[in-house]
Amino acid sequence: MNNYFDNAATTRTDDKVIEAMLPYFSIEYGNPSSVYKLGRKARSAVEDAREKIAKAINANPNEIYFTSGGSESDNLAIKGIAHANKNKGNHIITSKIEHHAVLETCESLEKEGFEISYIDVDENGIIDINQLKAEIKETTILITVMFANNEIGTIEPIKEIGEIAKAHNIIFHTDAVQAIGSLKIDVNELNIDSLSLSGHKFYGPKGIGALYIKKGIKFDKLINGGHQEKNKRAGTENVPGIVGIGKAIELAYENLEENNKKIKFLRDYYVEEIKKRIPNIKINGDIKNRLPGNMNISFRGIEGDGLLFNLDLKEIYASTGSACASGSLEPSHVLTAMGLNEEDAR
């Protein structure tokens, strides 16, 4: 029996994805920068995957850049845009519940002299739009707010944020790592200028991600070396991983509505059974406006780590928060930002 309940941390690579990747480890092993036939075949596979990712979010293929994952995509977007546009200003707006890949990137920019505003969220984890509006100033060059939270599943008002950013001529980046594969996303309709995603969140391989940056948006590269990825990300392309993420995103959006309906049914059944059987629980995050496969619950009277230990003994795998923060003694920054006391957050 599969007792894995931590797909927010990572998903199992789909068999069809593995099948698509396998030839590029052995038979089709060419370097996509090489001009001979073996290299050209690898290049064709890379560009095919780029087109699949672009199609999934209604972007142009030349606006997609391959990276090593969500964290690199966030760093490349935020640092790259900040450095390339610092002549226009040095102010960035983000939220208090972002993934650490965003928060720590912003903290590093603060040390360089950039000004960062951290926006509050309400008790459901929804960003305070009025505070965001109030924080905008002439020197604001970037707003970066996640599409959906990786811990509580709450979906942010991305369309409204995009409209605000566009009205003020501010670049808008969203960390959509948790949302891609679960939600339909149209970057043009939502006025998104930059978007991060990672393959292992939607049944693709680990170690491969992508970054969308709208044509015309200036950003500096982080890695120097070769001229790969339109001279924006040096290094020989991870061809098997790129093929895998392309296949995974194609599969994710083939039956999105049907899959979401099934997952939401299972989630709601699970919540109702929990309510019936266990007293003193608190559901964290917006109960309706959340990812279909996410549920975050505080079980009062027991430490989260102790609960996970006992579940692990029964080979049931769950999490108390972001896998990137595992081992930390601090309660979740997401739950505390929502106003939970330390006891409930733990």
C-alpha atoms as a PDB file:
ATOM      1  CA  MET A   1       0.000   0.000   0.000  1.00  0.00           C
ATOM      2  CA  ASN A   2       1.288   3.484  -0.872  1.00  0.00           C
ATOM      3  CA  ASN A   3       1.136   5.628   2.278  1.00  0.00           C
ATOM      4  CA  TYR A   4       2.860   8.671   0.767  1.00  0.00           C
ATOM      5  CA  PHE A   5       1.091  11.944   1.611  1.00  0.00           C
ATOM      6  CA  ASP A   6       3.825  14.473   0.860  1.00  0.00           C
ATOM      7  CA  ASN A   7       3.423  15.299  -2.816  1.00  0.00           C
ATOM      8  CA  ALA A   8       3.903  18.984  -1.978  1.00  0.00           C
ATOM      9  CA  ALA A   9       7.523  18.095  -1.195  1.00  0.00           C
ATOM     10  CA  THR A  10       8.072  15.957  -4.276  1.00  0.00           C
ATOM     11  CA  THR A  11       6.211  13.602  -6.550  1.00  0.00           C
ATOM     12  CA  ARG A  12       7.109  10.213  -7.965  1.00  0.00           C
ATOM     13  CA  THR A  13       8.395  10.480 -11.528  1.00  0.00           C
ATOM     14  CA  ASP A  14       5.712   9.222 -13.902  1.00  0.00           C
ATOM     15  CA  ASP A  15       6.552   6.014 -15.800  1.00  0.00           C
ATOM     16  CA  LYS A  16       5.815   7.746 -19.118  1.00  0.00           C
ATOM     17  CA  VAL A  17       8.236  10.511 -18.171  1.00  0.00           C
ATOM     18  CA  ILE A  18      10.985   8.010 -17.355  1.00  0.00           C
ATOM     19  CA  GLU A  19      10.353   6.238 -20.665  1.00  0.00           C
ATOM     20  CA  ALA A  20      10.710   9.517 -22.564  1.00  0.00           C
ATOM     21  CA  MET A  21      13.950  10.384 -20.727  1.00  0.00           C
ATOM     22  CA  LEU A  22      15.788   7.060 -21.054  1.00  0.00           C
ATOM     23  CA  PRO A  23      17.136   7.398 -24.638  1.00  0.00           C
ATOM     24  CA  TYR A  24      18.826  10.702 -23.735  1.00  0.00           C
ATOM     25  CA  PHE A  25      20.987   9.019 -21.116  1.00  0.00           C
ATOM     26  CA  SER A  26      22.451   6.564 -23.617  1.00  0.00           C
ATOM     27  CA  ILE A  27      21.425   6.438 -27.287  1.00  0.00           C
ATOM     28  CA  GLU A  28      20.755  10.157 -27.840  1.00  0.00           C
ATOM     29  CA  TYR A  29      23.570  11.408 -25.602  1.00  0.00           C
ATOM     30  CA  GLY A  30      24.751  14.299 -27.783  1.00  0.00           C
ATOM     31  CA  ASN A  31      25.553  17.786 -26.507  1.00  0.00           C
ATOM     32  CA  PRO A  32      22.811  20.101 -27.811  1.00  0.00           C
ATOM     33  CA  SER A  33      25.414  22.776 -28.560  1.00  0.00           C
ATOM     34  CA  SER A  34      27.212  20.463 -31.008  1.00  0.00           C
ATOM     35  CA  VAL A  35      26.501  21.027 -34.700  1.00  0.00           C
ATOM     36  CA  TYR A  36      26.649  17.403 -35.886  1.00  0.00           C
ATOM     37  CA  LYS A  37      23.606  15.116 -36.118  1.00  0.00           C
ATOM     38  CA  LEU A  38      23.812  13.670 -32.582  1.00  0.00           C
ATOM     39  CA  GLY A  39      23.933  17.166 -31.143  1.00  0.00           C
ATOM     40  CA  ARG A  40      21.154  18.427 -33.394  1.00  0.00           C
ATOM     41  CA  LYS A  41      18.866  15.605 -32.223  1.00  0.00           C
ATOM     42  CA  ALA A  42      19.505  16.602 -28.600  1.00  0.00           C
ATOM     43  CA  ARG A  43      18.836  20.255 -29.478  1.00  0.00           C
ATOM     44  CA  SER A  44      15.563  19.277 -31.137  1.00  0.00           C
ATOM     45  CA  ALA A  45      14.486  17.452 -27.950  1.00  0.00           C
ATOM     46  CA  VAL A  46      15.334  20.506 -25.824  1.00  0.00           C
ATOM     47  CA  GLU A  47      13.341  22.845 -28.058  1.00  0.00           C
ATOM     48  CA  ASP A  48      10.392  20.444 -28.145  1.00  0.00           C
ATOM     49  CA  ALA A  49      10.251  20.515 -24.336  1.00  0.00           C
ATOM     50  CA  ARG A  50      10.548  24.305 -24.354  1.00  0.00           C
ATOM     51  CA  GLU A  51       7.505  24.480 -26.617  1.00  0.00           C
ATOM     52  CA  LYS A  52       5.508  22.193 -24.301  1.00  0.00           C
ATOM     53  CA  ILE A  53       6.221  24.369 -21.266  1.00  0.00           C
ATOM     54  CA  ALA A  54       5.401  27.526 -23.188  1.00  0.00           C
ATOM     55  CA  LYS A  55       2.114  26.022 -24.387  1.00  0.00           C
ATOM     56  CA  ALA A  56       1.106  25.069 -20.836  1.00  0.00           C
ATOM     57  CA  ILE A  57       1.287  28.692 -19.617  1.00  0.00           C
ATOM     58  CA  ASN A  58       0.448  30.420 -22.951  1.00  0.00           C
ATOM     59  CA  ALA A  59       3.931  31.868 -23.401  1.00  0.00           C
ATOM     60  CA  ASN A  60       6.303  32.010 -26.353  1.00  0.00           C
ATOM     61  CA  PRO A  61       9.035  29.329 -26.432  1.00  0.00           C
ATOM     62  CA  ASN A  62      11.762  31.979 -26.605  1.00  0.00           C
ATOM     63  CA  GLU A  63      10.544  33.251 -23.217  1.00  0.00           C
ATOM     64  CA  ILE A  64      11.358  29.939 -21.462  1.00  0.00           C
ATOM     65  CA  TYR A  65      14.755  29.328 -19.832  1.00  0.00           C
ATOM     66  CA  PHE A  66      15.761  25.977 -18.335  1.00  0.00           C
ATOM     67  CA  THR A  67      17.282  25.893 -14.835  1.00  0.00           C
ATOM     68  CA  SER A  68      18.137  23.316 -12.167  1.00  0.00           C
ATOM     69  CA  GLY A  69      14.824  23.807 -10.339  1.00  0.00           C
ATOM     70  CA  GLY A  70      12.514  26.222  -8.563  1.00  0.00           C
ATOM     71  CA  SER A  71      15.150  27.726  -6.273  1.00  0.00           C
ATOM     72  CA  GLU A  72      17.453  28.643  -9.147  1.00  0.00           C
ATOM     73  CA  SER A  73      14.512  30.003 -11.138  1.00  0.00           C
ATOM     74  CA  ASP A  74      13.514  32.239  -8.217  1.00  0.00           C
ATOM     75  CA  ASN A  75      17.089  33.443  -7.759  1.00  0.00           C
ATOM     76  CA  LEU A  76      17.588  34.097 -11.462  1.00  0.00           C
ATOM     77  CA  ALA A  77      14.317  35.993 -11.746  1.00  0.00           C
ATOM     78  CA  ILE A  78      14.600  38.135  -8.621  1.00  0.00           C
ATOM     79  CA  LYS A  79      18.329  38.851  -8.609  1.00  0.00           C
ATOM     80  CA  GLY A  80      18.487  39.035 -12.390  1.00  0.00           C
ATOM     81  CA  ILE A  81      15.634  41.536 -12.666  1.00  0.00           C
ATOM     82  CA  ALA A  82      16.805  43.569  -9.653  1.00  0.00           C
ATOM     83  CA  HIS A  83      20.368  43.952 -10.946  1.00  0.00           C
ATOM     84  CA  ALA A  84      19.333  44.706 -14.529  1.00  0.00           C
ATOM     85  CA  ASN A  85      16.811  47.372 -13.501  1.00  0.00           C
ATOM     86  CA  LYS A  86      18.522  49.025 -10.531  1.00  0.00           C
ATOM     87  CA  ASN A  87      18.918  52.223 -12.560  1.00  0.00           C
ATOM     88  CA  LYS A  88      15.117  52.572 -12.289  1.00  0.00           C
ATOM     89  CA  GLY A  89      14.890  51.890  -8.552  1.00  0.00           C
ATOM     90  CA  ASN A  90      15.867  49.609  -5.700  1.00  0.00           C
ATOM     91  CA  HIS A  91      12.542  48.687  -4.076  1.00  0.00           C
ATOM     92  CA  ILE A  92      11.032  45.193  -4.150  1.00  0.00           C
ATOM     93  CA  ILE A  93       7.718  43.996  -2.675  1.00  0.00           C
ATOM     94  CA  THR A  94       7.126  40.433  -1.527  1.00  0.00           C
ATOM     95  CA  SER A  95       5.021  38.596   1.057  1.00  0.00           C
ATOM     96  CA  LYS A  96       5.855  37.116   4.463  1.00  0.00           C
ATOM     97  CA  ILE A  97       4.823  33.582   3.426  1.00  0.00           C
ATOM     98  CA  GLU A  98       7.050  33.103   0.387  1.00  0.00           C
ATOM     99  CA  HIS A  99       9.237  30.039  -0.060  1.00  0.00           C
ATOM    100  CA  HIS A 100      12.721  30.463   1.417  1.00  0.00           C
ATOM    101  CA  ALA A 101      14.122  30.584  -2.124  1.00  0.00           C
ATOM    102  CA  VAL A 102      12.360  33.947  -2.458  1.00  0.00           C
ATOM    103  CA  LEU A 103      12.737  35.241   1.109  1.00  0.00           C
ATOM    104  CA  GLU A 104      16.454  34.502   1.370  1.00  0.00           C
ATOM    105  CA  THR A 105      17.061  35.921  -2.104  1.00  0.00           C
ATOM    106  CA  CYS A 106      15.370  39.142  -1.027  1.00  0.00           C
ATOM    107  CA  GLU A 107      17.416  39.172   2.181  1.00  0.00           C
ATOM    108  CA  SER A 108      20.623  38.868   0.150  1.00  0.00           C
ATOM    109  CA  LEU A 109      19.526  41.819  -2.005  1.00  0.00           C
ATOM    110  CA  GLU A 110      18.872  43.864   1.144  1.00  0.00           C
ATOM    111  CA  LYS A 111      22.557  43.413   2.020  1.00  0.00           C
ATOM    112  CA  GLU A 112      23.397  44.899  -1.397  1.00  0.00           C
ATOM    113  CA  GLY A 113      21.329  48.008  -0.647  1.00  0.00           C
ATOM    114  CA  PHE A 114      17.952  47.058  -2.103  1.00  0.00           C
ATOM    115  CA  GLU A 115      14.857  47.934  -0.059  1.00  0.00           C
ATOM    116  CA  ILE A 116      12.396  45.086   0.542  1.00  0.00           C
ATOM    117  CA  SER A 117       8.797  45.396   1.762  1.00  0.00           C
ATOM    118  CA  TYR A 118       7.307  42.233   3.294  1.00  0.00           C
ATOM    119  CA  ILE A 119       3.505  42.223   2.999  1.00  0.00           C
ATOM    120  CA  ASP A 120       1.256  40.698   5.676  1.00  0.00           C
ATOM    121  CA  VAL A 121      -1.334  37.988   5.062  1.00  0.00           C
ATOM    122  CA  ASP A 122      -4.706  37.377   6.726  1.00  0.00           C
ATOM    123  CA  GLU A 123      -5.704  34.373   8.842  1.00  0.00           C
ATOM    124  CA  ASN A 124      -6.145  32.278   5.657  1.00  0.00           C
ATOM    125  CA  GLY A 125      -2.801  33.232   4.163  1.00  0.00           C
ATOM    126  CA  ILE A 126      -4.179  35.693   1.594  1.00  0.00           C
ATOM    127  CA  ILE A 127      -1.927  38.659   0.899  1.00  0.00           C
ATOM    128  CA  ASP A 128      -3.100  42.105   2.087  1.00  0.00           C
ATOM    129  CA  ILE A 129      -3.780  43.837  -1.246  1.00  0.00           C
ATOM    130  CA  ASN A 130      -4.321  47.243   0.359  1.00  0.00           C
ATOM    131  CA  GLN A 131      -0.958  47.053   2.093  1.00  0.00           C
ATOM    132  CA  LEU A 132       0.665  46.041  -1.196  1.00  0.00           C
ATOM    133  CA  LYS A 133      -0.838  49.097  -2.907  1.00  0.00           C
ATOM    134  CA  ALA A 134       0.285  51.342  -0.060  1.00  0.00           C
ATOM    135  CA  GLU A 135       3.880  50.075  -0.270  1.00  0.00           C
ATOM    136  CA  ILE A 136       4.295  50.971  -3.955  1.00  0.00           C
ATOM    137  CA  LYS A 137       6.621  53.899  -4.545  1.00  0.00           C
ATOM    138  CA  GLU A 138       8.473  55.497  -7.444  1.00  0.00           C
ATOM    139  CA  THR A 139      11.495  53.278  -6.808  1.00  0.00           C
ATOM    140  CA  THR A 140       9.509  49.989  -6.877  1.00  0.00           C
ATOM    141  CA  ILE A 141      10.865  47.815  -9.685  1.00  0.00           C
ATOM    142  CA  LEU A 142       9.578  44.339  -8.783  1.00  0.00           C
ATOM    143  CA  ILE A 143       6.682  42.585  -7.044  1.00  0.00           C
ATOM    144  CA  THR A 144       7.239  38.899  -6.286  1.00  0.00           C
ATOM    145  CA  VAL A 145       4.318  36.961  -4.759  1.00  0.00           C
ATOM    146  CA  MET A 146       3.837  33.197  -4.937  1.00  0.00           C
ATOM    147  CA  PHE A 147       0.921  31.779  -6.933  1.00  0.00           C
ATOM    148  CA  ALA A 148      -0.075  29.206  -4.310  1.00  0.00           C
ATOM    149  CA  ASN A 149       1.546  28.456  -0.981  1.00  0.00           C
ATOM    150  CA  ASN A 150       3.476  25.204  -0.683  1.00  0.00           C
ATOM    151  CA  GLU A 151       2.481  24.583   2.960  1.00  0.00           C
ATOM    152  CA  ILE A 152      -1.161  25.654   3.245  1.00  0.00           C
ATOM    153  CA  GLY A 153      -2.188  25.502  -0.421  1.00  0.00           C
ATOM    154  CA  THR A 154      -3.814  28.944  -0.382  1.00  0.00           C
ATOM    155  CA  ILE A 155      -4.077  30.494  -3.854  1.00  0.00           C
ATOM    156  CA  GLU A 156      -3.155  34.173  -3.973  1.00  0.00           C
ATOM    157  CA  PRO A 157      -5.093  36.869  -5.933  1.00  0.00           C
ATOM    158  CA  ILE A 158      -2.584  36.759  -8.766  1.00  0.00           C
ATOM    159  CA  LYS A 159      -4.756  38.440 -11.384  1.00  0.00           C
ATOM    160  CA  GLU A 160      -5.363  41.441  -9.130  1.00  0.00           C
ATOM    161  CA  ILE A 161      -1.674  41.701  -8.269  1.00  0.00           C
ATOM    162  CA  GLY A 162      -0.796  41.507 -11.958  1.00  0.00           C
ATOM    163  CA  GLU A 163      -3.207  44.327 -12.768  1.00  0.00           C
ATOM    164  CA  ILE A 164      -1.753  46.493 -10.007  1.00  0.00           C
ATOM    165  CA  ALA A 165       1.800  45.861 -11.186  1.00  0.00           C
ATOM    166  CA  LYS A 166       0.916  46.620 -14.799  1.00  0.00           C
ATOM    167  CA  ALA A 167      -0.870  49.849 -13.851  1.00  0.00           C
ATOM    168  CA  HIS A 168       2.276  51.056 -12.055  1.00  0.00           C
ATOM    169  CA  ASN A 169       4.729  49.755 -14.698  1.00  0.00           C
ATOM    170  CA  ILE A 170       6.257  47.335 -12.161  1.00  0.00           C
ATOM    171  CA  ILE A 171       7.612  43.898 -13.135  1.00  0.00           C
ATOM    172  CA  PHE A 172       5.608  41.050 -11.586  1.00  0.00           C
ATOM    173  CA  HIS A 173       7.207  37.687 -10.785  1.00  0.00           C
ATOM    174  CA  THR A 174       5.394  34.724  -9.269  1.00  0.00           C
ATOM    175  CA  ASP A 175       6.818  31.549  -7.766  1.00  0.00           C
ATOM    176  CA  ALA A 176       4.366  29.061  -9.294  1.00  0.00           C
ATOM    177  CA  VAL A 177       6.339  25.960  -8.277  1.00  0.00           C
ATOM    178  CA  GLN A 178       3.450  24.554  -6.250  1.00  0.00           C
ATOM    179  CA  ALA A 179       0.722  25.698  -8.648  1.00  0.00           C
ATOM    180  CA  ILE A 180       1.986  24.392 -11.996  1.00  0.00           C
ATOM    181  CA  GLY A 181       0.394  21.045 -12.780  1.00  0.00           C
ATOM    182  CA  SER A 182      -2.557  21.775 -10.485  1.00  0.00           C
ATOM    183  CA  LEU A 183      -3.948  25.031 -11.882  1.00  0.00           C
ATOM    184  CA  LYS A 184      -4.488  26.483 -15.346  1.00  0.00           C
ATOM    185  CA  ILE A 185      -2.166  29.461 -15.716  1.00  0.00           C
ATOM    186  CA  ASP A 186      -2.184  31.974 -18.576  1.00  0.00           C
ATOM    187  CA  VAL A 187       0.690  34.417 -18.089  1.00  0.00           C
ATOM    188  CA  ASN A 188      -0.777  36.932 -20.536  1.00  0.00           C
ATOM    189  CA  GLU A 189      -4.263  36.942 -19.069  1.00  0.00           C
ATOM    190  CA  LEU A 190      -2.830  37.313 -15.554  1.00  0.00           C
ATOM    191  CA  ASN A 191      -0.226  39.973 -16.477  1.00  0.00           C
ATOM    192  CA  ILE A 192       2.624  37.799 -15.182  1.00  0.00           C
ATOM    193  CA  ASP A 193       6.051  38.983 -16.355  1.00  0.00           C
ATOM    194  CA  SER A 194       8.064  36.168 -14.807  1.00  0.00           C
ATOM    195  CA  LEU A 195       7.185  32.708 -13.454  1.00  0.00           C
ATOM    196  CA  SER A 196       9.180  29.930 -11.770  1.00  0.00           C
ATOM    197  CA  LEU A 197       8.404  26.205 -11.986  1.00  0.00           C
ATOM    198  CA  SER A 198      10.055  22.897 -11.051  1.00  0.00           C
ATOM    199  CA  GLY A 199       9.627  19.471 -12.651  1.00  0.00           C
ATOM    200  CA  HIS A 200       9.528  17.299  -9.544  1.00  0.00           C
ATOM    201  CA  LYS A 201       6.309  18.938  -8.315  1.00  0.00           C
ATOM    202  CA  PHE A 202       4.213  17.517 -11.181  1.00  0.00           C
ATOM    203  CA  TYR A 203       5.575  13.984 -11.648  1.00  0.00           C
ATOM    204  CA  GLY A 204       8.702  15.029 -13.498  1.00  0.00           C
ATOM    205  CA  PRO A 205      12.338  14.476 -12.479  1.00  0.00           C
ATOM    206  CA  LYS A 206      14.235  16.347  -9.782  1.00  0.00           C
ATOM    207  CA  GLY A 207      17.018  18.754 -10.692  1.00  0.00           C
ATOM    208  CA  ILE A 208      15.233  20.449 -13.575  1.00  0.00           C
ATOM    209  CA  GLY A 209      13.129  23.591 -13.618  1.00  0.00           C
ATOM    210  CA  ALA A 210      12.219  26.446 -15.891  1.00  0.00           C
ATOM    211  CA  LEU A 211      11.806  30.188 -15.749  1.00  0.00           C
ATOM    212  CA  TYR A 212       9.437  32.236 -17.882  1.00  0.00           C
ATOM    213  CA  ILE A 213      10.471  35.838 -18.443  1.00  0.00           C
ATOM    214  CA  LYS A 214       8.354  37.953 -20.765  1.00  0.00           C
ATOM    215  CA  LYS A 215      10.051  39.245 -23.888  1.00  0.00           C
ATOM    216  CA  GLY A 216      11.396  42.744 -23.289  1.00  0.00           C
ATOM    217  CA  ILE A 217      12.007  42.288 -19.548  1.00  0.00           C
ATOM    218  CA  LYS A 218      15.669  42.916 -18.766  1.00  0.00           C
ATOM    219  CA  PHE A 219      17.463  40.503 -16.436  1.00  0.00           C
ATOM    220  CA  ASP A 220      21.081  39.656 -15.714  1.00  0.00           C
ATOM    221  CA  LYS A 221      22.458  36.126 -15.696  1.00  0.00           C
ATOM    222  CA  LEU A 222      23.800  34.471 -12.539  1.00  0.00           C
ATOM    223  CA  ILE A 223      26.043  31.790 -14.078  1.00  0.00           C
ATOM    224  CA  ASN A 224      28.878  32.659 -16.469  1.00  0.00           C
ATOM    225  CA  GLY A 225      30.521  30.274 -18.905  1.00  0.00           C
ATOM    226  CA  GLY A 226      28.935  29.218 -22.159  1.00  0.00           C
ATOM    227  CA  HIS A 227      26.223  30.829 -24.249  1.00  0.00           C
ATOM    228  CA  GLN A 228      23.455  28.351 -23.480  1.00  0.00           C
ATOM    229  CA  GLU A 229      19.848  29.442 -22.887  1.00  0.00           C
ATOM    230  CA  LYS A 230      20.173  32.522 -25.045  1.00  0.00           C
ATOM    231  CA  ASN A 231      23.291  33.555 -23.094  1.00  0.00           C
ATOM    232  CA  LYS A 232      21.292  33.777 -19.850  1.00  0.00           C
ATOM    233  CA  ARG A 233      22.225  30.494 -18.123  1.00  0.00           C
ATOM    234  CA  ALA A 234      25.630  28.967 -18.844  1.00  0.00           C
ATOM    235  CA  GLY A 235      26.202  25.222 -18.649  1.00  0.00           C
ATOM    236  CA  THR A 236      25.550  22.170 -20.802  1.00  0.00           C
ATOM    237  CA  GLU A 237      21.823  21.503 -20.838  1.00  0.00           C
ATOM    238  CA  ASN A 238      20.441  18.615 -18.783  1.00  0.00           C
ATOM    239  CA  VAL A 239      18.836  17.004 -21.816  1.00  0.00           C
ATOM    240  CA  PRO A 240      17.224  13.983 -20.060  1.00  0.00           C
ATOM    241  CA  GLY A 241      15.802  16.279 -17.383  1.00  0.00           C
ATOM    242  CA  ILE A 242      14.532  18.769 -19.952  1.00  0.00           C
ATOM    243  CA  VAL A 243      12.838  15.998 -21.925  1.00  0.00           C
ATOM    244  CA  GLY A 244      11.335  14.769 -18.651  1.00  0.00           C
ATOM    245  CA  ILE A 245       9.924  18.118 -17.556  1.00  0.00           C
ATOM    246  CA  GLY A 246       8.466  18.624 -21.036  1.00  0.00           C
ATOM    247  CA  LYS A 247       6.718  15.259 -20.958  1.00  0.00           C
ATOM    248  CA  ALA A 248       5.544  15.788 -17.369  1.00  0.00           C
ATOM    249  CA  ILE A 249       3.928  19.151 -18.031  1.00  0.00           C
ATOM    250  CA  GLU A 250       2.266  17.759 -21.162  1.00  0.00           C
ATOM    251  CA  LEU A 251       0.761  14.885 -19.138  1.00  0.00           C
ATOM    252  CA  ALA A 252      -0.271  17.180 -16.276  1.00  0.00           C
ATOM    253  CA  TYR A 253      -2.422  19.359 -18.510  1.00  0.00           C
ATOM    254  CA  GLU A 254      -3.930  16.578 -20.626  1.00  0.00           C
ATOM    255  CA  ASN A 255      -6.419  15.558 -17.907  1.00  0.00           C
ATOM    256  CA  LEU A 256      -6.136  18.438 -15.450  1.00  0.00           C
ATOM    257  CA  GLU A 257      -9.818  18.940 -14.664  1.00  0.00           C
ATOM    258  CA  GLU A 258     -10.549  15.227 -14.309  1.00  0.00           C
ATOM    259  CA  ASN A 259      -7.533  14.687 -12.062  1.00  0.00           C
ATOM    260  CA  ASN A 260      -8.340  17.713  -9.902  1.00  0.00           C
ATOM    261  CA  LYS A 261     -11.932  16.567  -9.448  1.00  0.00           C
ATOM    262  CA  LYS A 262     -10.748  13.176  -8.195  1.00  0.00           C
ATOM    263  CA  ILE A 263      -8.054  14.634  -5.916  1.00  0.00           C
ATOM    264  CA  LYS A 264     -10.423  17.206  -4.430  1.00  0.00           C
ATOM    265  CA  PHE A 265     -12.985  14.467  -3.691  1.00  0.00           C
ATOM    266  CA  LEU A 266     -10.345  12.440  -1.841  1.00  0.00           C
ATOM    267  CA  ARG A 267      -9.128  15.506   0.055  1.00  0.00           C
ATOM    268  CA  ASP A 268     -12.627  16.497   1.173  1.00  0.00           C
ATOM    269  CA  TYR A 269     -13.405  12.922   2.231  1.00  0.00           C
ATOM    270  CA  TYR A 270     -10.187  12.850   4.252  1.00  0.00           C
ATOM    271  CA  VAL A 271     -11.028  16.135   6.006  1.00  0.00           C
ATOM    272  CA  GLU A 272     -14.544  15.006   6.919  1.00  0.00           C
ATOM    273  CA  GLU A 273     -13.217  11.747   8.374  1.00  0.00           C
ATOM    274  CA  ILE A 274     -10.571  13.626  10.365  1.00  0.00           C
ATOM    275  CA  LYS A 275     -13.266  15.923  11.778  1.00  0.00           C
ATOM    276  CA  LYS A 276     -15.398  12.938  12.800  1.00  0.00           C
ATOM    277  CA  ARG A 277     -12.598  10.980  14.459  1.00  0.00           C
ATOM    278  CA  ILE A 278     -10.222  13.532  16.000  1.00  0.00           C
ATOM    279  CA  PRO A 279     -11.205  16.412  18.336  1.00  0.00           C
ATOM    280  CA  ASN A 280      -9.391  19.740  18.719  1.00  0.00           C
ATOM    281  CA  ILE A 281      -8.139  20.192  15.188  1.00  0.00           C
ATOM    282  CA  LYS A 282      -7.644  23.418  13.232  1.00  0.00           C
ATOM    283  CA  ILE A 283      -7.601  23.583   9.446  1.00  0.00           C
ATOM    284  CA  ASN A 284      -5.032  26.127   8.288  1.00  0.00           C
ATOM    285  CA  GLY A 285      -5.503  28.137   5.104  1.00  0.00           C
ATOM    286  CA  ASP A 286      -8.502  29.034   3.009  1.00  0.00           C
ATOM    287  CA  ILE A 287     -10.757  25.967   2.908  1.00  0.00           C
ATOM    288  CA  LYS A 288     -12.102  26.722  -0.583  1.00  0.00           C
ATOM    289  CA  ASN A 289      -9.474  28.879  -2.298  1.00  0.00           C
ATOM    290  CA  ARG A 290      -6.660  26.316  -2.129  1.00  0.00           C
ATOM    291  CA  LEU A 291      -4.877  23.728  -4.227  1.00  0.00           C
ATOM    292  CA  PRO A 292      -7.008  20.594  -4.691  1.00  0.00           C
ATOM    293  CA  GLY A 293      -4.405  18.221  -3.260  1.00  0.00           C
ATOM    294  CA  ASN A 294      -3.452  20.231  -0.185  1.00  0.00           C
ATOM    295  CA  MET A 295      -4.602  20.117   3.425  1.00  0.00           C
ATOM    296  CA  ASN A 296      -2.804  21.605   6.429  1.00  0.00           C
ATOM    297  CA  ILE A 297      -4.110  20.730   9.893  1.00  0.00           C
ATOM    298  CA  SER A 298      -3.014  21.542  13.435  1.00  0.00           C
ATOM    299  CA  PHE A 299      -3.693  18.697  15.877  1.00  0.00           C
ATOM    300  CA  ARG A 300      -3.830  20.409  19.235  1.00  0.00           C
ATOM    301  CA  GLY A 301      -2.145  18.643  22.129  1.00  0.00           C
ATOM    302  CA  ILE A 302       0.646  16.954  20.185  1.00  0.00           C
ATOM    303  CA  GLU A 303       3.881  18.256  18.674  1.00  0.00           C
ATOM    304  CA  GLY A 304       3.946  17.952  14.890  1.00  0.00           C
ATOM    305  CA  ASP A 305       7.343  16.250  14.879  1.00  0.00           C
ATOM    306  CA  GLY A 306       6.127  13.676  17.400  1.00  0.00           C
ATOM    307  CA  LEU A 307       3.076  12.965  15.268  1.00  0.00           C
ATOM    308  CA  LEU A 308       5.225  12.522  12.161  1.00  0.00           C
ATOM    309  CA  PHE A 309       7.528  10.141  14.023  1.00  0.00           C
ATOM    310  CA  ASN A 310       4.604   7.922  15.001  1.00  0.00           C
ATOM    311  CA  LEU A 311       3.174   8.042  11.471  1.00  0.00           C
ATOM    312  CA  ASP A 312       6.580   7.112  10.078  1.00  0.00           C
ATOM    313  CA  LEU A 313       6.643   4.011  12.282  1.00  0.00           C
ATOM    314  CA  LYS A 314       3.475   2.952  10.435  1.00  0.00           C
ATOM    315  CA  GLU A 315       5.084   3.882   7.091  1.00  0.00           C
ATOM    316  CA  ILE A 316       2.753   6.847   6.587  1.00  0.00           C
ATOM    317  CA  TYR A 317       4.701   9.756   5.127  1.00  0.00           C
ATOM    318  CA  ALA A 318       3.605  13.329   5.759  1.00  0.00           C
ATOM    319  CA  SER A 319       5.189  16.670   6.628  1.00  0.00           C
ATOM    320  CA  THR A 320       4.896  19.570   9.074  1.00  0.00           C
ATOM    321  CA  GLY A 321       5.934  22.142   6.500  1.00  0.00           C
ATOM    322  CA  SER A 322       8.345  22.863   3.678  1.00  0.00           C
ATOM    323  CA  ALA A 323      10.901  20.123   3.025  1.00  0.00           C
ATOM    324  CA  CYS A 324      13.454  22.901   2.530  1.00  0.00           C
ATOM    325  CA  ALA A 325      13.008  23.900   6.196  1.00  0.00           C
ATOM    326  CA  SER A 326      13.076  20.384   7.662  1.00  0.00           C
ATOM    327  CA  GLY A 327      15.319  20.132  10.695  1.00  0.00           C
ATOM    328  CA  SER A 328      14.541  23.679  11.792  1.00  0.00           C
ATOM    329  CA  LEU A 329      13.444  24.078  15.401  1.00  0.00           C
ATOM    330  CA  GLU A 330      11.349  27.121  14.541  1.00  0.00           C
ATOM    331  CA  PRO A 331       7.612  26.843  13.822  1.00  0.00           C
ATOM    332  CA  SER A 332       6.484  27.408  10.229  1.00  0.00           C
ATOM    333  CA  HIS A 333       6.956  31.026   9.147  1.00  0.00           C
ATOM    334  CA  VAL A 334       3.803  30.627   7.042  1.00  0.00           C
ATOM    335  CA  LEU A 335       1.604  29.650  10.006  1.00  0.00           C
ATOM    336  CA  THR A 336       3.031  32.317  12.313  1.00  0.00           C
ATOM    337  CA  ALA A 337       2.524  34.969   9.598  1.00  0.00           C
ATOM    338  CA  MET A 338      -1.147  33.913   9.534  1.00  0.00           C
ATOM    339  CA  GLY A 339      -1.421  34.641  13.251  1.00  0.00           C
ATOM    340  CA  LEU A 340      -1.246  31.131  14.729  1.00  0.00           C
ATOM    341  CA  ASN A 341       0.265  31.013  18.186  1.00  0.00           C
ATOM    342  CA  GLU A 342       3.460  29.037  18.599  1.00  0.00           C
ATOM    343  CA  GLU A 343       1.711  26.035  20.157  1.00  0.00           C
ATOM    344  CA  ASP A 344      -0.754  25.602  17.284  1.00  0.00           C
ATOM    345  CA  ALA A 345       1.963  26.283  14.703  1.00  0.00           C
ATOM    346  CA  ARG A 346       4.056  23.467  16.137  1.00  0.00           C
END
